C-alpha atoms as a PDB file:
ATOM      1  CA  MET A   1     -37.152  20.745   0.380  1.00  0.00           C
ATOM      2  CA  THR A   2     -34.696  23.483   1.327  1.00  0.00           C
ATOM      3  CA  GLU A   3     -31.287  22.380   2.592  1.00  0.00           C
ATOM      4  CA  ASP A   4     -30.387  23.653   6.062  1.00  0.00           C
ATOM      5  CA  TYR A   5     -26.865  25.064   6.069  1.00  0.00           C
ATOM      6  CA  SER A   6     -27.056  26.725   9.469  1.00  0.00           C
ATOM      7  CA  ALA A   7     -23.977  26.468  11.663  1.00  0.00           C
ATOM      8  CA  ILE A   8     -25.585  23.903  13.933  1.00  0.00           C
ATOM      9  CA  ASN A   9     -25.902  21.452  10.998  1.00  0.00           C
ATOM     10  CA  ILE A  10     -22.373  21.907   9.635  1.00  0.00           C
ATOM     11  CA  LYS A  11     -19.930  19.210  10.713  1.00  0.00           C
ATOM     12  CA  ILE A  12     -16.265  20.081  10.538  1.00  0.00           C
ATOM     13  CA  VAL A  13     -14.064  17.263   9.235  1.00  0.00           C
ATOM     14  CA  ASP A  14     -10.820  17.181  11.190  1.00  0.00           C
ATOM     15  CA  ASN A  15      -8.537  14.152  10.857  1.00  0.00           C
ATOM     16  CA  SER A  16      -5.314  15.981  11.742  1.00  0.00           C
ATOM     17  CA  GLY A  17      -4.739  14.012  14.943  1.00  0.00           C
ATOM     18  CA  TYR A  18      -5.632  10.641  13.479  1.00  0.00           C
ATOM     19  CA  ARG A  19      -3.154   7.818  14.003  1.00  0.00           C
ATOM     20  CA  PRO A  20      -3.986   4.652  12.068  1.00  0.00           C
ATOM     21  CA  THR A  21      -3.714   1.231  13.667  1.00  0.00           C
ATOM     22  CA  ILE A  22      -1.458  -0.860  11.475  1.00  0.00           C
ATOM     23  CA  ASP A  23      -3.026  -4.065  10.124  1.00  0.00           C
ATOM     24  CA  PRO A  24      -0.274  -6.614   9.322  1.00  0.00           C
ATOM     25  CA  THR A  25      -2.363  -8.394   6.681  1.00  0.00           C
ATOM     26  CA  TYR A  26      -2.590  -5.272   4.535  1.00  0.00           C
ATOM     27  CA  VAL A  27       1.047  -4.367   5.143  1.00  0.00           C
ATOM     28  CA  VAL A  28       1.907  -7.786   3.660  1.00  0.00           C
ATOM     29  CA  LEU A  29      -0.354  -7.094   0.669  1.00  0.00           C
ATOM     30  CA  GLY A  30       1.343  -3.729   0.194  1.00  0.00           C
ATOM     31  CA  MET A  31       4.779  -5.363   0.159  1.00  0.00           C
ATOM     32  CA  PHE A  32       3.803  -7.915  -2.491  1.00  0.00           C
ATOM     33  CA  ASN A  33       5.498  -7.811  -5.871  1.00  0.00           C
ATOM     34  CA  GLU A  34       2.674  -7.081  -8.342  1.00  0.00           C
ATOM     35  CA  TYR A  35       4.829  -7.496 -11.455  1.00  0.00           C
ATOM     36  CA  PHE A  36       2.119  -8.353 -14.026  1.00  0.00           C
ATOM     37  CA  GLY A  37      -0.243  -8.825 -11.086  1.00  0.00           C
ATOM     38  CA  ARG A  38       0.140 -11.885  -8.879  1.00  0.00           C
ATOM     39  CA  LEU A  39       0.025 -14.457 -11.675  1.00  0.00           C
ATOM     40  CA  THR A  40       3.697 -15.279 -11.218  1.00  0.00           C
ATOM     41  CA  GLY A  41       3.519 -14.876  -7.431  1.00  0.00           C
ATOM     42  CA  TRP A  42       1.434 -18.038  -7.021  1.00  0.00           C
ATOM     43  CA  SER A  43       3.631 -20.203  -9.230  1.00  0.00           C
ATOM     44  CA  THR A  44       4.226 -22.754  -6.441  1.00  0.00           C
ATOM     45  CA  PRO A  45       1.706 -23.700  -3.717  1.00  0.00           C
ATOM     46  CA  ASP A  46       3.943 -22.894  -0.723  1.00  0.00           C
ATOM     47  CA  LEU A  47       5.504 -19.680  -2.037  1.00  0.00           C
ATOM     48  CA  VAL A  48       4.434 -16.496  -0.238  1.00  0.00           C
ATOM     49  CA  GLU A  49       6.946 -14.065  -1.735  1.00  0.00           C
ATOM     50  CA  ARG A  50      10.371 -13.785  -3.340  1.00  0.00           C
ATOM     51  CA  PHE A  51      12.840 -10.957  -2.739  1.00  0.00           C
ATOM     52  CA  TYR A  52      15.909  -9.834  -4.647  1.00  0.00           C
ATOM     53  CA  PRO A  53      19.327 -10.397  -2.998  1.00  0.00           C
ATOM     54  CA  LYS A  54      19.661  -6.715  -2.058  1.00  0.00           C
ATOM     55  CA  GLU A  55      16.276  -6.786  -0.295  1.00  0.00           C
ATOM     56  CA  GLU A  56      17.433  -8.772   2.745  1.00  0.00           C
ATOM     57  CA  ASP A  57      16.310  -6.144   5.289  1.00  0.00           C
ATOM     58  CA  THR A  58      12.954  -5.762   3.540  1.00  0.00           C
ATOM     59  CA  ALA A  59      12.491  -9.538   3.477  1.00  0.00           C
ATOM     60  CA  ARG A  60      13.092  -9.690   7.235  1.00  0.00           C
ATOM     61  CA  LYS A  61      10.470  -7.000   7.837  1.00  0.00           C
ATOM     62  CA  PHE A  62       8.090  -8.923   5.598  1.00  0.00           C
ATOM     63  CA  VAL A  63       8.555 -12.078   7.671  1.00  0.00           C
ATOM     64  CA  THR A  64       7.880 -10.119  10.864  1.00  0.00           C
ATOM     65  CA  TYR A  65       4.556  -8.900   9.465  1.00  0.00           C
ATOM     66  CA  LEU A  66       3.756 -12.437   8.256  1.00  0.00           C
ATOM     67  CA  HIS A  67       4.130 -13.725  11.826  1.00  0.00           C
ATOM     68  CA  GLU A  68       1.846 -10.925  13.052  1.00  0.00           C
ATOM     69  CA  MET A  69      -0.666 -11.759  10.320  1.00  0.00           C
ATOM     70  CA  ALA A  70      -0.654 -15.449  11.267  1.00  0.00           C
ATOM     71  CA  ALA A  71      -1.330 -14.534  14.905  1.00  0.00           C
ATOM     72  CA  GLN A  72      -4.044 -12.071  13.865  1.00  0.00           C
ATOM     73  CA  HIS A  73      -5.964 -14.776  11.987  1.00  0.00           C
ATOM     74  CA  HIS A  74      -5.046 -17.676  14.318  1.00  0.00           C
ATOM     75  CA  ILE A  75      -3.206 -19.531  11.568  1.00  0.00           C
ATOM     76  CA  GLU A  76      -0.775 -22.198  12.767  1.00  0.00           C
ATOM     77  CA  THR A  77       2.145 -22.379  10.380  1.00  0.00           C
ATOM     78  CA  LYS A  78       5.910 -22.520   9.997  1.00  0.00           C
ATOM     79  CA  ILE A  79       7.412 -19.747   7.903  1.00  0.00           C
ATOM     80  CA  ASP A  80      10.447 -20.939   6.002  1.00  0.00           C
ATOM     81  CA  VAL A  81      13.126 -18.492   4.808  1.00  0.00           C
ATOM     82  CA  SER A  82      15.615 -19.848   2.300  1.00  0.00           C
ATOM     83  CA  ARG A  83      18.071 -18.478  -0.225  1.00  0.00           C
ATOM     84  CA  GLU A  84      18.497 -19.457  -3.856  1.00  0.00           C
ATOM     85  CA  PRO A  85      21.961 -20.001  -5.364  1.00  0.00           C
ATOM     86  CA  ARG A  86      21.795 -16.556  -6.988  1.00  0.00           C
ATOM     87  CA  GLY A  87      20.924 -14.918  -3.689  1.00  0.00           C
ATOM     88  CA  HIS A  88      17.156 -14.400  -3.934  1.00  0.00           C
ATOM     89  CA  TRP A  89      15.244 -14.760  -0.661  1.00  0.00           C
ATOM     90  CA  ILE A  90      12.332 -17.219  -0.715  1.00  0.00           C
ATOM     91  CA  ILE A  91       9.560 -16.955   1.895  1.00  0.00           C
ATOM     92  CA  SER A  92       7.359 -20.051   2.101  1.00  0.00           C
ATOM     93  CA  SER A  93       4.368 -21.208   4.138  1.00  0.00           C
ATOM     94  CA  PRO A  94       1.620 -23.408   2.676  1.00  0.00           C
ATOM     95  CA  GLU A  95      -1.011 -22.087   5.104  1.00  0.00           C
ATOM     96  CA  LEU A  96      -0.231 -18.395   4.606  1.00  0.00           C
ATOM     97  CA  ALA A  97       0.197 -18.793   0.848  1.00  0.00           C
ATOM     98  CA  LYS A  98      -3.296 -20.297   0.650  1.00  0.00           C
ATOM     99  CA  PHE A  99      -4.785 -17.609   2.926  1.00  0.00           C
ATOM    100  CA  LEU A 100      -3.364 -14.797   0.804  1.00  0.00           C
ATOM    101  CA  ARG A 101      -4.194 -16.548  -2.463  1.00  0.00           C
ATOM    102  CA  ASP A 102      -7.808 -16.842  -1.286  1.00  0.00           C
ATOM    103  CA  MET A 103      -7.881 -13.097  -0.586  1.00  0.00           C
ATOM    104  CA  TYR A 104      -7.122 -12.466  -4.258  1.00  0.00           C
ATOM    105  CA  GLY A 105      -9.696 -14.985  -5.437  1.00  0.00           C
ATOM    106  CA  GLU A 106     -10.168 -14.591  -9.185  1.00  0.00           C
ATOM    107  CA  HIS A 107      -8.364 -11.246  -9.310  1.00  0.00           C
ATOM    108  CA  GLY A 108      -5.094 -11.278 -11.221  1.00  0.00           C
ATOM    109  CA  GLY A 109      -3.796  -8.320  -9.235  1.00  0.00           C
ATOM    110  CA  ILE A 110      -4.605  -6.193  -6.217  1.00  0.00           C
ATOM    111  CA  CYS A 111      -7.884  -4.291  -6.508  1.00  0.00           C
ATOM    112  CA  GLU A 112     -10.183  -2.064  -4.474  1.00  0.00           C
ATOM    113  CA  SER A 113     -12.803  -4.791  -3.952  1.00  0.00           C
ATOM    114  CA  MET A 114     -10.320  -6.524  -1.609  1.00  0.00           C
ATOM    115  CA  PHE A 115     -10.767  -3.629   0.848  1.00  0.00           C
ATOM    116  CA  PRO A 116     -13.801  -2.537   2.930  1.00  0.00           C
ATOM    117  CA  SER A 117     -15.949   0.104   1.216  1.00  0.00           C
ATOM    118  CA  ILE A 118     -15.128   3.758   1.854  1.00  0.00           C
ATOM    119  CA  PRO A 119     -16.651   7.149   0.883  1.00  0.00           C
ATOM    120  CA  LYS A 120     -15.498   8.224  -2.589  1.00  0.00           C
ATOM    121  CA  ARG A 121     -14.766  11.807  -1.702  1.00  0.00           C
ATOM    122  CA  ARG A 122     -11.787  13.806  -0.566  1.00  0.00           C
ATOM    123  CA  ARG A 123     -13.074  14.994   2.809  1.00  0.00           C
ATOM    124  CA  PHE A 124     -14.706  12.574   5.227  1.00  0.00           C
ATOM    125  CA  GLN A 125     -14.321  11.687   8.880  1.00  0.00           C
ATOM    126  CA  TYR A 126     -12.005   8.712   9.148  1.00  0.00           C
ATOM    127  CA  GLU A 127     -13.398   5.436  10.503  1.00  0.00           C
ATOM    128  CA  LYS A 128     -10.872   2.868  11.609  1.00  0.00           C
ATOM    129  CA  GLU A 129     -11.776  -0.322   9.720  1.00  0.00           C
ATOM    130  CA  PRO A 130     -11.951   0.962   6.124  1.00  0.00           C
ATOM    131  CA  VAL A 131      -9.247   3.590   6.616  1.00  0.00           C
ATOM    132  CA  ASP A 132      -6.611   1.696   8.587  1.00  0.00           C
ATOM    133  CA  CYS A 133      -6.311  -1.147   6.072  1.00  0.00           C
ATOM    134  CA  ARG A 134      -5.593   1.408   3.338  1.00  0.00           C
ATOM    135  CA  PHE A 135      -2.983   3.213   5.424  1.00  0.00           C
ATOM    136  CA  SER A 136      -1.462  -0.193   6.198  1.00  0.00           C
ATOM    137  CA  TYR A 137      -1.340  -1.089   2.510  1.00  0.00           C
ATOM    138  CA  LEU A 138       0.403   2.193   1.715  1.00  0.00           C
ATOM    139  CA  LEU A 139       2.904   1.560   4.519  1.00  0.00           C
ATOM    140  CA  GLY A 140       3.724  -1.899   3.162  1.00  0.00           C
ATOM    141  CA  ALA A 141       4.200  -0.549  -0.350  1.00  0.00           C
ATOM    142  CA  HIS A 142       6.418   2.240   0.971  1.00  0.00           C
ATOM    143  CA  LEU A 143       8.560  -0.172   2.997  1.00  0.00           C
ATOM    144  CA  ARG A 144       9.501  -2.011  -0.187  1.00  0.00           C
ATOM    145  CA  TYR A 145       8.990   0.396  -3.070  1.00  0.00           C
ATOM    146  CA  GLY A 146       9.078   3.832  -1.486  1.00  0.00           C
ATOM    147  CA  LYS A 147      11.666   6.428  -0.619  1.00  0.00           C
ATOM    148  CA  ASP A 148      10.835   9.773   0.968  1.00  0.00           C
ATOM    149  CA  ASN A 149       7.670  11.032  -0.769  1.00  0.00           C
ATOM    150  CA  ALA A 150       7.791   8.736  -3.803  1.00  0.00           C
ATOM    151  CA  PHE A 151       7.142   5.182  -5.003  1.00  0.00           C
ATOM    152  CA  GLN A 152       8.687   3.362  -7.955  1.00  0.00           C
ATOM    153  CA  PHE A 153       7.291   0.255  -9.692  1.00  0.00           C
ATOM    154  CA  ALA A 154       7.875  -1.838 -12.792  1.00  0.00           C
ATOM    155  CA  ASN A 155       5.015  -3.465 -14.758  1.00  0.00           C
ATOM    156  CA  ALA A 156       2.645  -3.153 -11.780  1.00  0.00           C
ATOM    157  CA  SER A 157      -0.357  -1.229 -13.094  1.00  0.00           C
ATOM    158  CA  HIS A 158      -2.754  -2.733 -10.511  1.00  0.00           C
ATOM    159  CA  LYS A 159      -0.586  -1.489  -7.662  1.00  0.00           C
ATOM    160  CA  VAL A 160       0.062   1.919  -9.227  1.00  0.00           C
ATOM    161  CA  ASP A 161      -3.645   2.635  -9.723  1.00  0.00           C
ATOM    162  CA  LEU A 162      -4.534   1.575  -6.184  1.00  0.00           C
ATOM    163  CA  ILE A 163      -1.792   3.615  -4.527  1.00  0.00           C
ATOM    164  CA  ILE A 164      -2.765   6.754  -6.426  1.00  0.00           C
ATOM    165  CA  ALA A 165      -6.421   6.230  -5.428  1.00  0.00           C
ATOM    166  CA  PHE A 166      -5.505   5.720  -1.760  1.00  0.00           C
ATOM    167  CA  LEU A 167      -3.153   8.718  -1.634  1.00  0.00           C
ATOM    168  CA  GLU A 168      -5.879  10.912  -3.099  1.00  0.00           C
ATOM    169  CA  LEU A 169      -8.483   9.702  -0.588  1.00  0.00           C
ATOM    170  CA  LEU A 170      -6.195   9.802   2.426  1.00  0.00           C
ATOM    171  CA  GLY A 171      -4.887  13.323   2.397  1.00  0.00           C
ATOM    172  CA  ALA A 172      -2.128  13.793  -0.184  1.00  0.00           C
ATOM    173  CA  ASP A 173      -1.935  17.468  -1.188  1.00  0.00           C
ATOM    174  CA  TRP A 174      -0.747  16.635  -4.708  1.00  0.00           C
ATOM    175  CA  ILE A 175       0.212  13.572  -6.748  1.00  0.00           C
ATOM    176  CA  SER A 176       2.245  13.214  -9.919  1.00  0.00           C
ATOM    177  CA  LYS A 177       2.863  10.154 -12.078  1.00  0.00           C
ATOM    178  CA  ALA A 178       5.681   9.686 -14.574  1.00  0.00           C
ATOM    179  CA  TRP A 179       6.373   6.607 -16.668  1.00  0.00           C
ATOM    180  CA  THR A 180       8.792   5.308 -19.267  1.00  0.00           C
ATOM    181  CA  ILE A 181       7.721   5.095 -22.904  1.00  0.00           C
ATOM    182  CA  ASP A 182       8.821   2.190 -25.090  1.00  0.00           C
ATOM    183  CA  GLY A 183      11.211  -0.443 -23.861  1.00  0.00           C
ATOM    184  CA  ALA A 184      10.636  -2.947 -21.083  1.00  0.00           C
ATOM    185  CA  PRO A 185       9.781  -3.001 -18.296  1.00  0.00           C
ATOM    186  CA  THR A 186       7.407  -0.039 -17.997  1.00  0.00           C
ATOM    187  CA  CYS A 187       8.612   1.860 -14.947  1.00  0.00           C
ATOM    188  CA  VAL A 188       6.345   4.251 -13.043  1.00  0.00           C
ATOM    189  CA  VAL A 189       7.311   6.837 -10.440  1.00  0.00           C
ATOM    190  CA  ILE A 190       4.608   8.284  -8.170  1.00  0.00           C
ATOM    191  CA  ARG A 191       5.487  11.435  -6.257  1.00  0.00           C
ATOM    192  CA  PHE A 192       3.169  13.028  -3.726  1.00  0.00           C
ATOM    193  CA  GLY A 193       2.857  15.721  -1.094  1.00  0.00           C
ATOM    194  CA  PRO A 194       1.837  14.059   2.188  1.00  0.00           C
ATOM    195  CA  ASP A 195      -0.299  15.655   4.883  1.00  0.00           C
ATOM    196  CA  GLU A 196       0.680  15.242   8.544  1.00  0.00           C
ATOM    197  CA  ILE A 197      -0.851  11.753   8.835  1.00  0.00           C
ATOM    198  CA  LEU A 198       0.879  10.339   5.755  1.00  0.00           C
ATOM    199  CA  ALA A 199       4.139  12.009   6.752  1.00  0.00           C
ATOM    200  CA  ARG A 200       4.005  10.350  10.190  1.00  0.00           C
ATOM    201  CA  LEU A 201       3.176   7.017   8.576  1.00  0.00           C
ATOM    202  CA  PHE A 202       6.161   7.117   6.202  1.00  0.00           C
ATOM    203  CA  GLY A 203       8.558   8.970   8.506  1.00  0.00           C
ATOM    204  CA  THR A 204       8.870  11.863   6.053  1.00  0.00           C
ATOM    205  CA  LYS A 205       7.964  15.558   6.069  1.00  0.00           C
ATOM    206  CA  PRO A 206       4.564  17.067   5.193  1.00  0.00           C
ATOM    207  CA  ALA A 207       4.222  18.724   1.799  1.00  0.00           C
ATOM    208  CA  GLY A 208       6.052  22.027   1.698  1.00  0.00           C
ATOM    209  CA  PHE A 209       3.818  23.525  -0.970  1.00  0.00           C
ATOM    210  CA  LYS A 210       0.424  23.116  -2.581  1.00  0.00           C
ATOM    211  CA  THR A 211       0.111  22.081  -6.216  1.00  0.00           C
ATOM    212  CA  PHE A 212      -0.831  25.450  -7.652  1.00  0.00           C
ATOM    213  CA  GLU A 213       1.806  27.268  -5.619  1.00  0.00           C
ATOM    214  CA  TYR A 214       4.367  24.976  -7.234  1.00  0.00           C
ATOM    215  CA  ILE A 215       3.010  25.529 -10.725  1.00  0.00           C
ATOM    216  CA  ARG A 216       3.073  29.307 -10.342  1.00  0.00           C
ATOM    217  CA  SER A 217       6.648  29.255  -9.094  1.00  0.00           C
ATOM    218  CA  SER A 218       7.930  26.988 -11.878  1.00  0.00           C
END
């Protein structure tokens, strides 16, 4: 059978005007500390997340999204915010901790199977359900671990792999990954060139150059 490539059968993929709807559940997942996965994150039944003393503003944003997530899923709960003697912020809720723990199931860390299926190719017309949760996850990760067009993580291979996969699928023009060798922890920096949609999402600027233009000019 001969393929028909006439103009009438060619569909142009144009996502330039797309604006994702933010899903608070996946923003929360994106903000999670995935240090060695979530094995340490579920150490106590009521614990949702723990933040370093300098992360007070981030912790407050996290709590805001937790409230939105509880409303989204009709979960009645009280979210408790406390502070340890050394200044760490502790966010607790038995109902939300169980809900999020159940999302992970048997997985030790975040993984693609926790998201709706999506085409495994660079160019496809965005559909809201499978796309918006991924944009939301990237936003959550950027709120806590991002700055401008970069992310930085320590001992979080699950999260690093997922973010690179999502950036590649959702319009990044280029991606680079650098990591420390020897010593502990293993730190990873992801840099990327965002398209217009990612730039709007993160409040940054679109990529100023394409990968090969950069290589030729180096």
